[in-house]
PDB file of N, CA and C in Angstrom:
ATOM      1  N   SER A   1     101.644 185.842 -57.823  1.00  0.00           N
ATOM      2  CA  SER A   1     100.424 185.385 -57.171  1.00  0.00           C
ATOM      3  C   SER A   1      99.303 186.370 -57.452  1.00  0.00           C
ATOM      4  N   GLU A   2      98.118 185.816 -57.494  1.00  0.00           N
ATOM      5  CA  GLU A   2      96.918 186.624 -57.712  1.00  0.00           C
ATOM      6  C   GLU A   2      95.848 186.120 -56.753  1.00  0.00           C
ATOM      7  N   VAL A   3      95.039 187.032 -56.221  1.00  0.00           N
ATOM      8  CA  VAL A   3      93.967 186.661 -55.300  1.00  0.00           C
ATOM      9  C   VAL A   3      92.636 187.098 -55.905  1.00  0.00           C
ATOM     10  N   LEU A   4      91.721 186.146 -56.017  1.00  0.00           N
ATOM     11  CA  LEU A   4      90.368 186.430 -56.501  1.00  0.00           C
ATOM     12  C   LEU A   4      89.414 186.339 -55.328  1.00  0.00           C
ATOM     13  N   THR A   5      88.465 187.244 -55.268  1.00  0.00           N
ATOM     14  CA  THR A   5      87.480 187.263 -54.194  1.00  0.00           C
ATOM     15  C   THR A   5      86.096 187.063 -54.793  1.00  0.00           C
ATOM     16  N   ALA A   6      85.283 186.241 -54.116  1.00  0.00           N
ATOM     17  CA  ALA A   6      83.943 185.932 -54.621  1.00  0.00           C
ATOM     18  C   ALA A   6      82.879 186.606 -53.779  1.00  0.00           C
ATOM     19  N   ASP A   7      81.814 187.046 -54.440  1.00  0.00           N
ATOM     20  CA  ASP A   7      80.664 187.577 -53.720  1.00  0.00           C
ATOM     21  C   ASP A   7      79.840 186.446 -53.112  1.00  0.00           C
ATOM     22  N   THR A   8      79.879 185.290 -53.756  1.00  0.00           N
ATOM     23  CA  THR A   8      79.158 184.119 -53.267  1.00  0.00           C
ATOM     24  C   THR A   8      80.171 183.001 -53.029  1.00  0.00           C
ATOM     25  N   ARG A   9      79.708 181.867 -52.517  1.00  0.00           N
ATOM     26  CA  ARG A   9      80.603 180.739 -52.259  1.00  0.00           C
ATOM     27  C   ARG A   9      81.175 180.201 -53.564  1.00  0.00           C
ATOM     28  N   TRP A  10      82.477 179.794 -53.552  1.00  0.00           N
ATOM     29  CA  TRP A  10      83.100 179.178 -54.712  1.00  0.00           C
ATOM     30  C   TRP A  10      82.641 177.738 -54.829  1.00  0.00           C
ATOM     31  N   ASP A  11      82.402 177.300 -56.045  1.00  0.00           N
ATOM     32  CA  ASP A  11      82.087 175.898 -56.317  1.00  0.00           C
ATOM     33  C   ASP A  11      83.417 175.202 -56.641  1.00  0.00           C
ATOM     34  N   GLN A  12      83.897 174.380 -55.708  1.00  0.00           N
ATOM     35  CA  GLN A  12      85.213 173.765 -55.861  1.00  0.00           C
ATOM     36  C   GLN A  12      85.337 172.928 -57.131  1.00  0.00           C
ATOM     37  N   ASN A  13      84.301 172.183 -57.476  1.00  0.00           N
ATOM     38  CA  ASN A  13      84.358 171.354 -58.683  1.00  0.00           C
ATOM     39  C   ASN A  13      84.509 172.205 -59.945  1.00  0.00           C
ATOM     40  N   ARG A  14      83.822 173.328 -59.980  1.00  0.00           N
ATOM     41  CA  ARG A  14      83.919 174.210 -61.148  1.00  0.00           C
ATOM     42  C   ARG A  14      85.292 174.875 -61.229  1.00  0.00           C
ATOM     43  N   ILE A  15      85.836 175.236 -60.082  1.00  0.00           N
ATOM     44  CA  ILE A  15      87.175 175.831 -60.066  1.00  0.00           C
ATOM     45  C   ILE A  15      88.183 174.840 -60.614  1.00  0.00           C
ATOM     46  N   ARG A  16      88.136 173.627 -60.100  1.00  0.00           N
ATOM     47  CA  ARG A  16      89.092 172.607 -60.541  1.00  0.00           C
ATOM     48  C   ARG A  16      88.932 172.307 -62.036  1.00  0.00           C
ATOM     49  N   ALA A  17      87.710 172.251 -62.516  1.00  0.00           N
ATOM     50  CA  ALA A  17      87.471 172.012 -63.942  1.00  0.00           C
ATOM     51  C   ALA A  17      88.026 173.171 -64.774  1.00  0.00           C
ATOM     52  N   ALA A  18      87.859 174.389 -64.302  1.00  0.00           N
ATOM     53  CA  ALA A  18      88.371 175.556 -65.024  1.00  0.00           C
ATOM     54  C   ALA A  18      89.897 175.537 -65.071  1.00  0.00           C
ATOM     55  N   ILE A  19      90.541 175.188 -63.968  1.00  0.00           N
ATOM     56  CA  ILE A  19      92.006 175.117 -63.946  1.00  0.00           C
ATOM     57  C   ILE A  19      92.489 173.998 -64.871  1.00  0.00           C
ATOM     58  N   ASP A  20      91.792 172.871 -64.879  1.00  0.00           N
ATOM     59  CA  ASP A  20      92.150 171.788 -65.814  1.00  0.00           C
ATOM     60  C   ASP A  20      92.107 172.287 -67.260  1.00  0.00           C
ATOM     61  N   GLN A  21      91.092 173.063 -67.600  1.00  0.00           N
ATOM     62  CA  GLN A  21      90.971 173.592 -68.962  1.00  0.00           C
ATOM     63  C   GLN A  21      92.103 174.575 -69.266  1.00  0.00           C
ATOM     64  N   ILE A  22      92.469 175.381 -68.292  1.00  0.00           N
ATOM     65  CA  ILE A  22      93.582 176.311 -68.484  1.00  0.00           C
ATOM     66  C   ILE A  22      94.859 175.532 -68.762  1.00  0.00           C
ATOM     67  N   PHE A  23      95.083 174.443 -68.012  1.00  0.00           N
ATOM     68  CA  PHE A  23      96.271 173.625 -68.214  1.00  0.00           C
ATOM     69  C   PHE A  23      96.284 172.958 -69.583  1.00  0.00           C
ATOM     70  N   GLN A  24      95.136 172.533 -70.036  1.00  0.00           N
ATOM     71  CA  GLN A  24      95.076 171.929 -71.365  1.00  0.00           C
ATOM     72  C   GLN A  24      95.387 172.963 -72.441  1.00  0.00           C
ATOM     73  N   ALA A  25      94.956 174.188 -72.243  1.00  0.00           N
ATOM     74  CA  ALA A  25      95.196 175.247 -73.219  1.00  0.00           C
ATOM     75  C   ALA A  25      96.627 175.792 -73.144  1.00  0.00           C
ATOM     76  N   HIS A  26      97.255 175.703 -71.968  1.00  0.00           N
ATOM     77  CA  HIS A  26      98.596 176.259 -71.755  1.00  0.00           C
ATOM     78  C   HIS A  26      99.483 175.239 -71.051  1.00  0.00           C
ATOM     79  N   PRO A  27      99.937 174.214 -71.756  1.00  0.00           N
ATOM     80  CA  PRO A  27     100.740 173.164 -71.126  1.00  0.00           C
ATOM     81  C   PRO A  27     102.050 173.656 -70.532  1.00  0.00           C
ATOM     82  N   ALA A  28     102.520 174.839 -70.914  1.00  0.00           N
ATOM     83  CA  ALA A  28     103.760 175.374 -70.334  1.00  0.00           C
ATOM     84  C   ALA A  28     103.628 175.627 -68.840  1.00  0.00           C
ATOM     85  N   LEU A  29     102.404 175.742 -68.335  1.00  0.00           N
ATOM     86  CA  LEU A  29     102.212 175.908 -66.892  1.00  0.00           C
ATOM     87  C   LEU A  29     102.713 174.698 -66.117  1.00  0.00           C
ATOM     88  N   GLY A  30     102.819 173.566 -66.774  1.00  0.00           N
ATOM     89  CA  GLY A  30     103.307 172.357 -66.125  1.00  0.00           C
ATOM     90  C   GLY A  30     104.646 171.911 -66.681  1.00  0.00           C
ATOM     91  N   THR A  31     105.505 172.861 -67.009  1.00  0.00           N
ATOM     92  CA  THR A  31     106.798 172.529 -67.588  1.00  0.00           C
ATOM     93  C   THR A  31     107.643 171.723 -66.597  1.00  0.00           C
ATOM     94  N   VAL A  32     108.236 170.648 -67.107  1.00  0.00           N
ATOM     95  CA  VAL A  32     109.154 169.808 -66.335  1.00  0.00           C
ATOM     96  C   VAL A  32     110.563 170.150 -66.797  1.00  0.00           C
ATOM     97  N   PHE A  33     111.476 170.365 -65.855  1.00  0.00           N
ATOM     98  CA  PHE A  33     112.865 170.666 -66.172  1.00  0.00           C
ATOM     99  C   PHE A  33     113.732 169.488 -65.745  1.00  0.00           C
ATOM    100  N   GLU A  34     114.568 169.024 -66.694  1.00  0.00           N
ATOM    101  CA  GLU A  34     115.418 167.867 -66.433  1.00  0.00           C
ATOM    102  C   GLU A  34     116.854 168.183 -66.840  1.00  0.00           C
ATOM    103  N   PRO A  35     117.818 167.708 -66.028  1.00  0.00           N
ATOM    104  CA  PRO A  35     119.210 167.905 -66.430  1.00  0.00           C
ATOM    105  C   PRO A  35     119.501 167.126 -67.712  1.00  0.00           C
ATOM    106  N   PHE A  36     120.261 167.758 -68.613  1.00  0.00           N
ATOM    107  CA  PHE A  36     120.539 167.139 -69.903  1.00  0.00           C
ATOM    108  C   PHE A  36     121.911 167.605 -70.383  1.00  0.00           C
ATOM    109  N   PHE A  37     122.910 166.749 -70.268  1.00  0.00           N
ATOM    110  CA  PHE A  37     124.270 167.043 -70.735  1.00  0.00           C
ATOM    111  C   PHE A  37     124.775 168.400 -70.237  1.00  0.00           C
ATOM    112  N   GLY A  38     124.719 168.597 -68.943  1.00  0.00           N
ATOM    113  CA  GLY A  38     125.259 169.818 -68.347  1.00  0.00           C
ATOM    114  C   GLY A  38     124.377 171.038 -68.485  1.00  0.00           C
ATOM    115  N   SER A  39     123.176 170.870 -68.978  1.00  0.00           N
ATOM    116  CA  SER A  39     122.233 171.972 -69.150  1.00  0.00           C
ATOM    117  C   SER A  39     120.873 171.492 -68.649  1.00  0.00           C
ATOM    118  N   TRP A  40     119.850 172.242 -68.941  1.00  0.00           N
ATOM    119  CA  TRP A  40     118.490 171.856 -68.563  1.00  0.00           C
ATOM    120  C   TRP A  40     117.635 171.745 -69.806  1.00  0.00           C
ATOM    121  N   ALA A  41     116.883 170.680 -69.888  1.00  0.00           N
ATOM    122  CA  ALA A  41     115.904 170.505 -70.959  1.00  0.00           C
ATOM    123  C   ALA A  41     114.518 170.686 -70.338  1.00  0.00           C
ATOM    124  N   SER A  42     113.591 171.174 -71.121  1.00  0.00           N
ATOM    125  CA  SER A  42     112.228 171.358 -70.611  1.00  0.00           C
ATOM    126  C   SER A  42     111.237 170.668 -71.534  1.00  0.00           C
ATOM    127  N   ARG A  43     110.143 170.232 -70.923  1.00  0.00           N
ATOM    128  CA  ARG A  43     109.062 169.600 -71.664  1.00  0.00           C
ATOM    129  C   ARG A  43     107.781 169.772 -70.869  1.00  0.00           C
ATOM    130  N   PRO A  44     106.633 169.786 -71.546  1.00  0.00           N
ATOM    131  CA  PRO A  44     105.372 169.812 -70.803  1.00  0.00           C
ATOM    132  C   PRO A  44     105.159 168.469 -70.115  1.00  0.00           C
ATOM    133  N   GLY A  45     104.355 168.446 -69.096  1.00  0.00           N
ATOM    134  CA  GLY A  45     104.046 167.177 -68.454  1.00  0.00           C
ATOM    135  C   GLY A  45     103.729 167.271 -66.988  1.00  0.00           C
ATOM    136  N   GLY A  46     103.939 168.418 -66.382  1.00  0.00           N
ATOM    137  CA  GLY A  46     103.639 168.567 -64.962  1.00  0.00           C
ATOM    138  C   GLY A  46     102.168 168.870 -64.721  1.00  0.00           C
ATOM    139  N   TRP A  47     101.846 169.125 -63.491  1.00  0.00           N
ATOM    140  CA  TRP A  47     100.458 169.415 -63.145  1.00  0.00           C
ATOM    141  C   TRP A  47     100.422 170.470 -62.074  1.00  0.00           C
ATOM    142  N   TRP A  48      99.298 170.715 -61.490  1.00  0.00           N
ATOM    143  CA  TRP A  48      99.122 171.792 -60.529  1.00  0.00           C
ATOM    144  C   TRP A  48      98.707 171.243 -59.172  1.00  0.00           C
ATOM    145  N   ALA A  49      98.881 172.067 -58.154  1.00  0.00           N
ATOM    146  CA  ALA A  49      98.533 171.689 -56.780  1.00  0.00           C
ATOM    147  C   ALA A  49      97.261 172.410 -56.357  1.00  0.00           C
ATOM    148  N   TRP A  50      96.443 171.716 -55.585  1.00  0.00           N
ATOM    149  CA  TRP A  50      95.171 172.256 -55.088  1.00  0.00           C
ATOM    150  C   TRP A  50      95.131 172.088 -53.579  1.00  0.00           C
ATOM    151  N   ALA A  51      94.627 173.099 -52.884  1.00  0.00           N
ATOM    152  CA  ALA A  51      94.456 172.998 -51.432  1.00  0.00           C
ATOM    153  C   ALA A  51      93.240 173.817 -51.009  1.00  0.00           C
ATOM    154  N   VAL A  52      92.564 173.308 -50.013  1.00  0.00           N
ATOM    155  CA  VAL A  52      91.539 174.086 -49.301  1.00  0.00           C
ATOM    156  C   VAL A  52      92.142 174.359 -47.938  1.00  0.00           C
ATOM    157  N   GLU A  53      92.414 175.616 -47.687  1.00  0.00           N
ATOM    158  CA  GLU A  53      93.109 175.998 -46.458  1.00  0.00           C
ATOM    159  C   GLU A  53      92.155 176.016 -45.265  1.00  0.00           C
ATOM    160  N   PRO A  54      92.671 175.712 -44.079  1.00  0.00           N
ATOM    161  CA  PRO A  54      91.833 175.773 -42.876  1.00  0.00           C
ATOM    162  C   PRO A  54      91.492 177.223 -42.521  1.00  0.00           C
ATOM    163  N   PRO A  55      90.444 177.413 -41.731  1.00  0.00           N
ATOM    164  CA  PRO A  55      90.046 178.772 -41.343  1.00  0.00           C
ATOM    165  C   PRO A  55      91.200 179.518 -40.677  1.00  0.00           C
ATOM    166  N   GLY A  56      91.294 180.792 -40.998  1.00  0.00           N
ATOM    167  CA  GLY A  56      92.298 181.646 -40.371  1.00  0.00           C
ATOM    168  C   GLY A  56      93.617 181.741 -41.109  1.00  0.00           C
ATOM    169  N   VAL A  57      93.823 180.929 -42.141  1.00  0.00           N
ATOM    170  CA  VAL A  57      95.075 181.004 -42.905  1.00  0.00           C
ATOM    171  C   VAL A  57      95.093 182.302 -43.699  1.00  0.00           C
ATOM    172  N   THR A  58      96.204 183.008 -43.620  1.00  0.00           N
ATOM    173  CA  THR A  58      96.325 184.271 -44.350  1.00  0.00           C
ATOM    174  C   THR A  58      96.724 184.009 -45.801  1.00  0.00           C
ATOM    175  N   ILE A  59      96.537 185.003 -46.622  1.00  0.00           N
ATOM    176  CA  ILE A  59      96.940 184.912 -48.029  1.00  0.00           C
ATOM    177  C   ILE A  59      98.447 184.671 -48.113  1.00  0.00           C
ATOM    178  N   GLU A  60      99.217 185.373 -47.310  1.00  0.00           N
ATOM    179  CA  GLU A  60     100.670 185.223 -47.324  1.00  0.00           C
ATOM    180  C   GLU A  60     101.082 183.797 -46.963  1.00  0.00           C
ATOM    181  N   THR A  61     100.421 183.201 -45.973  1.00  0.00           N
ATOM    182  CA  THR A  61     100.725 181.820 -45.584  1.00  0.00           C
ATOM    183  C   THR A  61     100.362 180.852 -46.703  1.00  0.00           C
ATOM    184  N   ALA A  62      99.232 181.078 -47.347  1.00  0.00           N
ATOM    185  CA  ALA A  62      98.822 180.220 -48.461  1.00  0.00           C
ATOM    186  C   ALA A  62      99.855 180.284 -49.586  1.00  0.00           C
ATOM    187  N   ILE A  63     100.346 181.472 -49.900  1.00  0.00           N
ATOM    188  CA  ILE A  63     101.359 181.624 -50.947  1.00  0.00           C
ATOM    189  C   ILE A  63     102.648 180.904 -50.552  1.00  0.00           C
ATOM    190  N   GLU A  64     103.056 181.035 -49.299  1.00  0.00           N
ATOM    191  CA  GLU A  64     104.258 180.330 -48.831  1.00  0.00           C
ATOM    192  C   GLU A  64     104.092 178.819 -48.967  1.00  0.00           C
ATOM    193  N   ARG A  65     102.928 178.298 -48.614  1.00  0.00           N
ATOM    194  CA  ARG A  65     102.667 176.863 -48.741  1.00  0.00           C
ATOM    195  C   ARG A  65     102.700 176.424 -50.197  1.00  0.00           C
ATOM    196  N   GLN A  66     102.115 177.229 -51.061  1.00  0.00           N
ATOM    197  CA  GLN A  66     102.105 176.904 -52.482  1.00  0.00           C
ATOM    198  C   GLN A  66     103.527 176.852 -53.033  1.00  0.00           C
ATOM    199  N   ARG A  67     104.301 177.868 -52.741  1.00  0.00           N
ATOM    200  CA  ARG A  67     105.676 177.918 -53.256  1.00  0.00           C
ATOM    201  C   ARG A  67     106.525 176.778 -52.708  1.00  0.00           C
ATOM    202  N   ALA A  68     106.247 176.343 -51.491  1.00  0.00           N
ATOM    203  CA  ALA A  68     106.998 175.222 -50.904  1.00  0.00           C
ATOM    204  C   ALA A  68     106.750 173.926 -51.675  1.00  0.00           C
ATOM    205  N   LEU A  69     105.618 173.821 -52.362  1.00  0.00           N
ATOM    206  CA  LEU A  69     105.295 172.631 -53.155  1.00  0.00           C
ATOM    207  C   LEU A  69     105.886 172.655 -54.558  1.00  0.00           C
ATOM    208  N   PHE A  70     106.347 173.814 -55.003  1.00  0.00           N
ATOM    209  CA  PHE A  70     106.877 173.922 -56.354  1.00  0.00           C
ATOM    210  C   PHE A  70     108.091 173.023 -56.515  1.00  0.00           C
ATOM    211  N   ASP A  71     108.136 172.323 -57.643  1.00  0.00           N
ATOM    212  CA  ASP A  71     109.236 171.418 -57.940  1.00  0.00           C
ATOM    213  C   ASP A  71     109.442 171.400 -59.445  1.00  0.00           C
ATOM    214  N   MET A  72     110.526 171.985 -59.897  1.00  0.00           N
ATOM    215  CA  MET A  72     110.768 172.093 -61.341  1.00  0.00           C
ATOM    216  C   MET A  72     111.013 170.737 -61.992  1.00  0.00           C
ATOM    217  N   ARG A  73     111.436 169.741 -61.220  1.00  0.00           N
ATOM    218  CA  ARG A  73     111.713 168.423 -61.793  1.00  0.00           C
ATOM    219  C   ARG A  73     110.438 167.600 -62.006  1.00  0.00           C
ATOM    220  N   THR A  74     109.366 167.950 -61.335  1.00  0.00           N
ATOM    221  CA  THR A  74     108.104 167.242 -61.554  1.00  0.00           C
ATOM    222  C   THR A  74     107.104 168.091 -62.329  1.00  0.00           C
ATOM    223  N   GLY A  75     107.430 169.355 -62.524  1.00  0.00           N
ATOM    224  CA  GLY A  75     106.530 170.239 -63.255  1.00  0.00           C
ATOM    225  C   GLY A  75     105.412 170.794 -62.405  1.00  0.00           C
ATOM    226  N   ARG A  76     105.547 170.710 -61.096  1.00  0.00           N
ATOM    227  CA  ARG A  76     104.545 171.329 -60.227  1.00  0.00           C
ATOM    228  C   ARG A  76     104.990 172.766 -59.978  1.00  0.00           C
ATOM    229  N   LEU A  77     104.482 173.663 -60.835  1.00  0.00           N
ATOM    230  CA  LEU A  77     104.885 175.065 -60.796  1.00  0.00           C
ATOM    231  C   LEU A  77     103.692 176.008 -60.736  1.00  0.00           C
ATOM    232  N   PHE A  78     102.530 175.468 -60.478  1.00  0.00           N
ATOM    233  CA  PHE A  78     101.293 176.253 -60.433  1.00  0.00           C
ATOM    234  C   PHE A  78     100.442 175.705 -59.301  1.00  0.00           C
ATOM    235  N   ALA A  79      99.912 176.588 -58.476  1.00  0.00           N
ATOM    236  CA  ALA A  79      99.117 176.135 -57.336  1.00  0.00           C
ATOM    237  C   ALA A  79      97.901 177.031 -57.142  1.00  0.00           C
ATOM    238  N   VAL A  80      96.832 176.410 -56.654  1.00  0.00           N
ATOM    239  CA  VAL A  80      95.578 177.110 -56.379  1.00  0.00           C
ATOM    240  C   VAL A  80      95.134 176.710 -54.976  1.00  0.00           C
ATOM    241  N   SER A  81      94.789 177.716 -54.169  1.00  0.00           N
ATOM    242  CA  SER A  81      94.302 177.452 -52.821  1.00  0.00           C
ATOM    243  C   SER A  81      93.007 178.211 -52.594  1.00  0.00           C
ATOM    244  N   LEU A  82      92.036 177.516 -52.037  1.00  0.00           N
ATOM    245  CA  LEU A  82      90.775 178.134 -51.645  1.00  0.00           C
ATOM    246  C   LEU A  82      90.868 178.499 -50.178  1.00  0.00           C
ATOM    247  N   LEU A  83      90.574 179.747 -49.868  1.00  0.00           N
ATOM    248  CA  LEU A  83      90.507 180.208 -48.488  1.00  0.00           C
ATOM    249  C   LEU A  83      89.040 180.495 -48.188  1.00  0.00           C
ATOM    250  N   PRO A  84      88.333 179.498 -47.621  1.00  0.00           N
ATOM    251  CA  PRO A  84      86.910 179.707 -47.332  1.00  0.00           C
ATOM    252  C   PRO A  84      86.735 180.794 -46.273  1.00  0.00           C
ATOM    253  N   GLY A  85      85.678 181.499 -46.391  1.00  0.00           N
ATOM    254  CA  GLY A  85      85.397 182.540 -45.405  1.00  0.00           C
ATOM    255  C   GLY A  85      84.325 183.461 -45.910  1.00  0.00           C
ATOM    256  N   SER A  86      84.350 184.643 -45.386  1.00  0.00           N
ATOM    257  CA  SER A  86      83.377 185.627 -45.806  1.00  0.00           C
ATOM    258  C   SER A  86      84.126 186.913 -46.143  1.00  0.00           C
ATOM    259  N   PRO A  87      84.540 187.096 -47.354  1.00  0.00           N
ATOM    260  CA  PRO A  87      84.230 186.317 -48.551  1.00  0.00           C
ATOM    261  C   PRO A  87      85.242 185.185 -48.790  1.00  0.00           C
ATOM    262  N   ASP A  88      84.858 184.235 -49.660  1.00  0.00           N
ATOM    263  CA  ASP A  88      85.798 183.218 -50.113  1.00  0.00           C
ATOM    264  C   ASP A  88      86.872 183.902 -50.959  1.00  0.00           C
ATOM    265  N   ARG A  89      88.098 183.396 -50.843  1.00  0.00           N
ATOM    266  CA  ARG A  89      89.192 183.914 -51.663  1.00  0.00           C
ATOM    267  C   ARG A  89      89.888 182.742 -52.341  1.00  0.00           C
ATOM    268  N   LEU A  90      90.370 182.989 -53.539  1.00  0.00           N
ATOM    269  CA  LEU A  90      91.101 181.985 -54.300  1.00  0.00           C
ATOM    270  C   LEU A  90      92.479 182.563 -54.585  1.00  0.00           C
ATOM    271  N   VAL A  91      93.523 181.838 -54.160  1.00  0.00           N
ATOM    272  CA  VAL A  91      94.893 182.291 -54.344  1.00  0.00           C
ATOM    273  C   VAL A  91      95.527 181.442 -55.442  1.00  0.00           C
ATOM    274  N   LEU A  92      96.004 182.097 -56.497  1.00  0.00           N
ATOM    275  CA  LEU A  92      96.670 181.413 -57.609  1.00  0.00           C
ATOM    276  C   LEU A  92      98.120 181.882 -57.643  1.00  0.00           C
ATOM    277  N   THR A  93      99.043 180.926 -57.663  1.00  0.00           N
ATOM    278  CA  THR A  93     100.464 181.261 -57.699  1.00  0.00           C
ATOM    279  C   THR A  93     101.125 180.429 -58.784  1.00  0.00           C
ATOM    280  N   VAL A  94     101.949 181.089 -59.598  1.00  0.00           N
ATOM    281  CA  VAL A  94     102.671 180.416 -60.676  1.00  0.00           C
ATOM    282  C   VAL A  94     104.151 180.772 -60.548  1.00  0.00           C
ATOM    283  N   SER A  95     105.000 179.784 -60.787  1.00  0.00           N
ATOM    284  CA  SER A  95     106.430 180.003 -60.757  1.00  0.00           C
ATOM    285  C   SER A  95     106.870 180.782 -61.996  1.00  0.00           C
ATOM    286  N   HIS A  96     107.868 181.608 -61.834  1.00  0.00           N
ATOM    287  CA  HIS A  96     108.415 182.347 -62.976  1.00  0.00           C
ATOM    288  C   HIS A  96     109.026 181.417 -64.003  1.00  0.00           C
ATOM    289  N   LEU A  97     109.369 180.184 -63.625  1.00  0.00           N
ATOM    290  CA  LEU A  97     110.004 179.244 -64.550  1.00  0.00           C
ATOM    291  C   LEU A  97     109.107 178.857 -65.730  1.00  0.00           C
ATOM    292  N   CYS A  98     107.797 178.866 -65.528  1.00  0.00           N
ATOM    293  CA  CYS A  98     106.919 178.427 -66.612  1.00  0.00           C
ATOM    294  C   CYS A  98     106.237 179.588 -67.326  1.00  0.00           C
ATOM    295  N   LEU A  99     106.451 180.799 -66.901  1.00  0.00           N
ATOM    296  CA  LEU A  99     105.777 181.927 -67.551  1.00  0.00           C
ATOM    297  C   LEU A  99     106.341 182.263 -68.922  1.00  0.00           C
ATOM    298  N   GLY A 100     107.607 181.970 -69.170  1.00  0.00           N
ATOM    299  CA  GLY A 100     108.210 182.282 -70.466  1.00  0.00           C
ATOM    300  C   GLY A 100     107.593 181.517 -71.615  1.00  0.00           C
ATOM    301  N   GLY A 101     107.005 180.336 -71.345  1.00  0.00           N
ATOM    302  CA  GLY A 101     106.430 179.527 -72.414  1.00  0.00           C
ATOM    303  C   GLY A 101     104.977 179.847 -72.728  1.00  0.00           C
ATOM    304  N   LEU A 102     104.376 180.775 -72.004  1.00  0.00           N
ATOM    305  CA  LEU A 102     102.967 181.105 -72.247  1.00  0.00           C
ATOM    306  C   LEU A 102     102.845 182.117 -73.366  1.00  0.00           C
ATOM    307  N   THR A 103     101.845 181.895 -74.201  1.00  0.00           N
ATOM    308  CA  THR A 103     101.580 182.851 -75.278  1.00  0.00           C
ATOM    309  C   THR A 103     100.141 183.265 -75.248  1.00  0.00           C
TER     310      THR A 103
END
């Protein structure tokens, strides 16, 4: 997990567009794992989760929520949460399952 802090308010549309571009450049972030003859096969095809957390949510709680959404069979292995406040914070969490395919 990584936490980014902004000096000004985050523009949610720009964040989402930037994450979409990252996914297009690195499809391994959305790796789908499927059982295949007693083993696991992998392929790109998953996507990422987005949340705007309610006031007062801690970074640790946001990370726990993100990890609870991870599902290797659907390829949801990357999550981004906006924690509005003063300052705004952006929490990015990626599963270790998809990091091996990044170059």
